[in-house]
Every structure is written in C-alpha cells, then in structure tokens.
Amino acid sequence: MKIGDIVQQGDRIIKMKGRAPSKQLGVVVEMTVQDFPAKLKGWEKLLGESTVTVLWESGRLTENMAENSLDVITRPEPEE
C-alpha cells in the first residue's frame, strides 16, 4: 500500500456478524510507520506496520486506521 492508492474497508482484522464491510472508496493520503515495542511485535503482523489516513468519497477523513484493515482496489489492465 502507498499514498494515492484507492482503498476500501476489508475484513481481515474484524468481521462483524450480520454486517458486511463498507463498500465506500477512499484514497490513502498519509502513512505513518509504527514502531511496536518488542513485547507487542505480534500485533504488528495482525495490524500492519503502518497507520493510514484515508480521505473517503463522502469527504470524511479517517486517521490512524490499521494498514491491514484496508484492501487496495486495483484496476484491470487495459486490453490490447
């Protein structure tokens, strides 16, 4: 994941019973690498090594999201 990627909420970290993840799209506007203390390094694998700020299509800005809570949306390659 990098700044400028289009993302949407994923379900790798939390799956809410009876509720699907939002399909709203957003753009990554900032990423901050987190330095986990040695006794919490296991959380880094689950959450990702960065926190992410996302500007959603609704205009809302969400800060400090776990990197692994988002899925990068990829565009299909154009056909030749």
N, C-alpha and C. Protein backbone atom coordinates (compact mmCIF):
# COMPACT_ATOMS: atom_id res chain seq x y z
N MET A 1 0.85 -1.17 0.00
CA MET A 1 0.00 0.00 0.00
C MET A 1 0.89 1.24 0.00
N LYS A 2 0.43 2.28 -0.72
CA LYS A 2 1.19 3.52 -0.78
C LYS A 2 0.23 4.71 -0.86
N ILE A 3 0.76 5.89 -0.64
CA ILE A 3 -0.05 7.11 -0.74
C ILE A 3 -0.60 7.22 -2.16
N GLY A 4 -1.88 7.52 -2.26
CA GLY A 4 -2.54 7.65 -3.56
C GLY A 4 -3.33 6.41 -3.95
N ASP A 5 -3.13 5.29 -3.26
CA ASP A 5 -3.89 4.08 -3.56
C ASP A 5 -5.37 4.27 -3.23
N ILE A 6 -6.22 3.67 -4.03
CA ILE A 6 -7.65 3.66 -3.75
C ILE A 6 -7.93 2.41 -2.91
N VAL A 7 -8.65 2.60 -1.80
CA VAL A 7 -8.88 1.51 -0.85
C VAL A 7 -10.34 1.44 -0.45
N GLN A 8 -10.70 0.31 0.15
CA GLN A 8 -11.98 0.18 0.82
C GLN A 8 -11.76 -0.70 2.04
N GLN A 9 -12.69 -0.62 2.97
CA GLN A 9 -12.57 -1.37 4.21
C GLN A 9 -12.59 -2.86 3.92
N GLY A 10 -11.67 -3.58 4.55
CA GLY A 10 -11.61 -5.02 4.38
C GLY A 10 -12.12 -5.73 5.62
N ASP A 11 -11.98 -7.05 5.65
CA ASP A 11 -12.44 -7.80 6.82
C ASP A 11 -11.36 -8.74 7.34
N ARG A 12 -10.10 -8.38 7.14
CA ARG A 12 -9.01 -9.22 7.62
C ARG A 12 -8.81 -9.13 9.12
N ILE A 13 -9.16 -7.99 9.72
CA ILE A 13 -8.93 -7.81 11.15
C ILE A 13 -10.21 -8.09 11.94
N ILE A 14 -11.32 -7.49 11.52
CA ILE A 14 -12.59 -7.64 12.23
C ILE A 14 -13.67 -8.03 11.25
N LYS A 15 -14.43 -9.06 11.60
CA LYS A 15 -15.60 -9.45 10.83
C LYS A 15 -16.80 -9.24 11.74
N MET A 16 -17.67 -8.32 11.35
CA MET A 16 -18.83 -8.02 12.17
C MET A 16 -19.99 -8.94 11.77
N LYS A 17 -20.53 -9.64 12.72
CA LYS A 17 -21.61 -10.59 12.47
C LYS A 17 -22.84 -9.83 11.97
N GLY A 18 -23.36 -10.29 10.83
CA GLY A 18 -24.57 -9.69 10.28
C GLY A 18 -24.36 -8.36 9.59
N ARG A 19 -23.12 -7.97 9.38
CA ARG A 19 -22.85 -6.67 8.75
C ARG A 19 -21.64 -6.79 7.82
N ALA A 20 -21.84 -6.47 6.57
CA ALA A 20 -20.75 -6.51 5.60
C ALA A 20 -19.89 -5.25 5.72
N PRO A 21 -18.61 -5.33 5.35
CA PRO A 21 -17.77 -4.13 5.36
C PRO A 21 -18.32 -3.08 4.38
N SER A 22 -18.06 -1.84 4.66
CA SER A 22 -18.49 -0.74 3.79
C SER A 22 -17.87 -0.90 2.40
N LYS A 23 -18.60 -0.53 1.39
CA LYS A 23 -18.10 -0.57 0.01
C LYS A 23 -17.62 0.81 -0.44
N GLN A 24 -17.64 1.78 0.46
CA GLN A 24 -17.20 3.14 0.14
C GLN A 24 -15.71 3.14 -0.21
N LEU A 25 -15.35 3.91 -1.21
CA LEU A 25 -13.95 4.00 -1.63
C LEU A 25 -13.28 5.21 -0.98
N GLY A 26 -11.98 5.12 -0.82
CA GLY A 26 -11.20 6.22 -0.27
C GLY A 26 -9.82 6.24 -0.89
N VAL A 27 -9.09 7.32 -0.61
CA VAL A 27 -7.73 7.49 -1.11
C VAL A 27 -6.79 7.62 0.09
N VAL A 28 -5.69 6.87 0.07
CA VAL A 28 -4.69 6.95 1.12
C VAL A 28 -3.97 8.29 0.98
N VAL A 29 -4.02 9.12 2.02
CA VAL A 29 -3.38 10.43 1.96
C VAL A 29 -2.15 10.53 2.86
N GLU A 30 -2.01 9.59 3.80
CA GLU A 30 -0.83 9.61 4.68
C GLU A 30 -0.62 8.23 5.27
N MET A 31 0.64 7.86 5.41
CA MET A 31 1.01 6.61 6.07
C MET A 31 2.12 6.90 7.07
N THR A 32 1.97 6.34 8.28
CA THR A 32 2.97 6.54 9.32
C THR A 32 3.42 5.17 9.82
N VAL A 33 4.71 4.89 9.69
CA VAL A 33 5.26 3.62 10.17
C VAL A 33 5.26 3.64 11.69
N GLN A 34 4.74 2.57 12.28
CA GLN A 34 4.68 2.45 13.73
C GLN A 34 5.84 1.59 14.22
N ASP A 35 6.41 1.97 15.34
CA ASP A 35 7.50 1.19 15.93
C ASP A 35 6.93 0.48 17.15
N PHE A 36 6.55 -0.78 16.96
CA PHE A 36 5.95 -1.55 18.04
C PHE A 36 7.03 -1.96 19.04
N PRO A 37 6.72 -1.87 20.34
CA PRO A 37 7.67 -2.37 21.35
C PRO A 37 7.86 -3.88 21.18
N ALA A 38 8.98 -4.39 21.63
CA ALA A 38 9.31 -5.81 21.45
C ALA A 38 8.20 -6.74 21.95
N LYS A 39 7.59 -6.42 23.09
CA LYS A 39 6.57 -7.31 23.65
C LYS A 39 5.24 -7.25 22.87
N LEU A 40 5.09 -6.30 21.93
CA LEU A 40 3.87 -6.19 21.14
C LEU A 40 4.09 -6.47 19.65
N LYS A 41 5.24 -7.04 19.30
CA LYS A 41 5.56 -7.28 17.89
C LYS A 41 4.54 -8.20 17.21
N GLY A 42 3.89 -9.06 17.95
CA GLY A 42 2.86 -9.93 17.38
C GLY A 42 1.70 -9.14 16.80
N TRP A 43 1.39 -7.99 17.37
CA TRP A 43 0.32 -7.13 16.86
C TRP A 43 0.68 -6.53 15.51
N GLU A 44 1.97 -6.30 15.28
CA GLU A 44 2.40 -5.72 14.01
C GLU A 44 2.02 -6.60 12.83
N LYS A 45 2.12 -7.91 13.00
CA LYS A 45 1.76 -8.84 11.92
C LYS A 45 0.26 -8.77 11.64
N LEU A 46 -0.56 -8.63 12.67
CA LEU A 46 -2.01 -8.55 12.51
C LEU A 46 -2.45 -7.20 11.93
N LEU A 47 -1.94 -6.11 12.49
CA LEU A 47 -2.41 -4.77 12.14
C LEU A 47 -1.70 -4.16 10.93
N GLY A 48 -0.47 -4.58 10.67
CA GLY A 48 0.34 -3.96 9.63
C GLY A 48 1.36 -3.06 10.27
N GLU A 49 2.36 -2.67 9.50
CA GLU A 49 3.44 -1.88 10.10
C GLU A 49 3.18 -0.39 10.07
N SER A 50 2.08 0.05 9.46
CA SER A 50 1.78 1.48 9.35
C SER A 50 0.34 1.78 9.76
N THR A 51 0.14 3.01 10.24
CA THR A 51 -1.22 3.51 10.37
C THR A 51 -1.48 4.38 9.14
N VAL A 52 -2.73 4.44 8.73
CA VAL A 52 -3.09 5.05 7.46
C VAL A 52 -4.17 6.10 7.68
N THR A 53 -4.05 7.23 6.98
CA THR A 53 -5.11 8.25 6.94
C THR A 53 -5.77 8.15 5.58
N VAL A 54 -7.11 8.04 5.58
CA VAL A 54 -7.88 7.85 4.35
C VAL A 54 -8.89 8.98 4.19
N LEU A 55 -8.95 9.54 2.98
CA LEU A 55 -9.98 10.51 2.62
C LEU A 55 -11.04 9.72 1.86
N TRP A 56 -12.23 9.58 2.45
CA TRP A 56 -13.30 8.80 1.85
C TRP A 56 -14.08 9.63 0.84
N GLU A 57 -14.76 8.95 -0.08
CA GLU A 57 -15.53 9.64 -1.12
C GLU A 57 -16.63 10.51 -0.55
N SER A 58 -17.02 10.29 0.69
CA SER A 58 -18.03 11.13 1.35
C SER A 58 -17.44 12.46 1.81
N GLY A 59 -16.10 12.57 1.78
CA GLY A 59 -15.43 13.77 2.25
C GLY A 59 -14.88 13.63 3.66
N ARG A 60 -15.19 12.53 4.33
CA ARG A 60 -14.72 12.30 5.69
C ARG A 60 -13.27 11.84 5.67
N LEU A 61 -12.48 12.33 6.62
CA LEU A 61 -11.07 11.96 6.77
C LEU A 61 -10.96 11.07 8.00
N THR A 62 -10.42 9.86 7.83
CA THR A 62 -10.23 8.94 8.95
C THR A 62 -8.74 8.74 9.16
N GLU A 63 -8.30 9.02 10.37
CA GLU A 63 -6.88 8.89 10.72
C GLU A 63 -6.63 7.62 11.52
N ASN A 64 -5.39 7.16 11.50
CA ASN A 64 -4.91 6.06 12.33
C ASN A 64 -5.62 4.73 12.10
N MET A 65 -5.94 4.43 10.86
CA MET A 65 -6.51 3.12 10.55
C MET A 65 -5.37 2.12 10.43
N ALA A 66 -5.63 0.89 10.85
CA ALA A 66 -4.63 -0.17 10.69
C ALA A 66 -4.48 -0.47 9.21
N GLU A 67 -3.25 -0.57 8.75
CA GLU A 67 -2.96 -0.83 7.34
C GLU A 67 -3.67 -2.09 6.84
N ASN A 68 -3.69 -3.13 7.65
CA ASN A 68 -4.30 -4.40 7.22
C ASN A 68 -5.82 -4.39 7.29
N SER A 69 -6.43 -3.30 7.74
CA SER A 69 -7.89 -3.22 7.76
C SER A 69 -8.44 -2.71 6.43
N LEU A 70 -7.54 -2.40 5.50
CA LEU A 70 -7.94 -1.85 4.20
C LEU A 70 -7.50 -2.76 3.07
N ASP A 71 -8.31 -2.80 2.02
CA ASP A 71 -7.97 -3.54 0.81
C ASP A 71 -7.72 -2.54 -0.31
N VAL A 72 -6.60 -2.69 -1.01
CA VAL A 72 -6.28 -1.83 -2.15
C VAL A 72 -7.12 -2.29 -3.33
N ILE A 73 -7.77 -1.34 -4.00
CA ILE A 73 -8.57 -1.62 -5.17
C ILE A 73 -7.67 -1.47 -6.39
N THR A 74 -7.60 -2.52 -7.18
CA THR A 74 -6.76 -2.47 -8.38
C THR A 74 -7.64 -2.40 -9.62
N ARG A 75 -7.18 -1.65 -10.58
CA ARG A 75 -7.88 -1.55 -11.85
C ARG A 75 -7.40 -2.66 -12.76
N PRO A 76 -8.32 -3.23 -13.54
CA PRO A 76 -7.87 -4.24 -14.51
C PRO A 76 -6.98 -3.58 -15.56
N GLU A 77 -6.02 -4.32 -16.02
CA GLU A 77 -5.13 -3.82 -17.09
C GLU A 77 -5.92 -3.65 -18.36
N PRO A 78 -5.68 -2.56 -19.10
CA PRO A 78 -6.41 -2.37 -20.37
C PRO A 78 -6.05 -3.48 -21.37
N GLU A 79 -7.06 -3.89 -22.11
CA GLU A 79 -6.83 -4.92 -23.12
C GLU A 79 -6.22 -4.29 -24.36
N GLU A 80 -5.36 -5.04 -25.01
CA GLU A 80 -4.69 -4.52 -26.21
C GLU A 80 -5.42 -4.94 -27.48
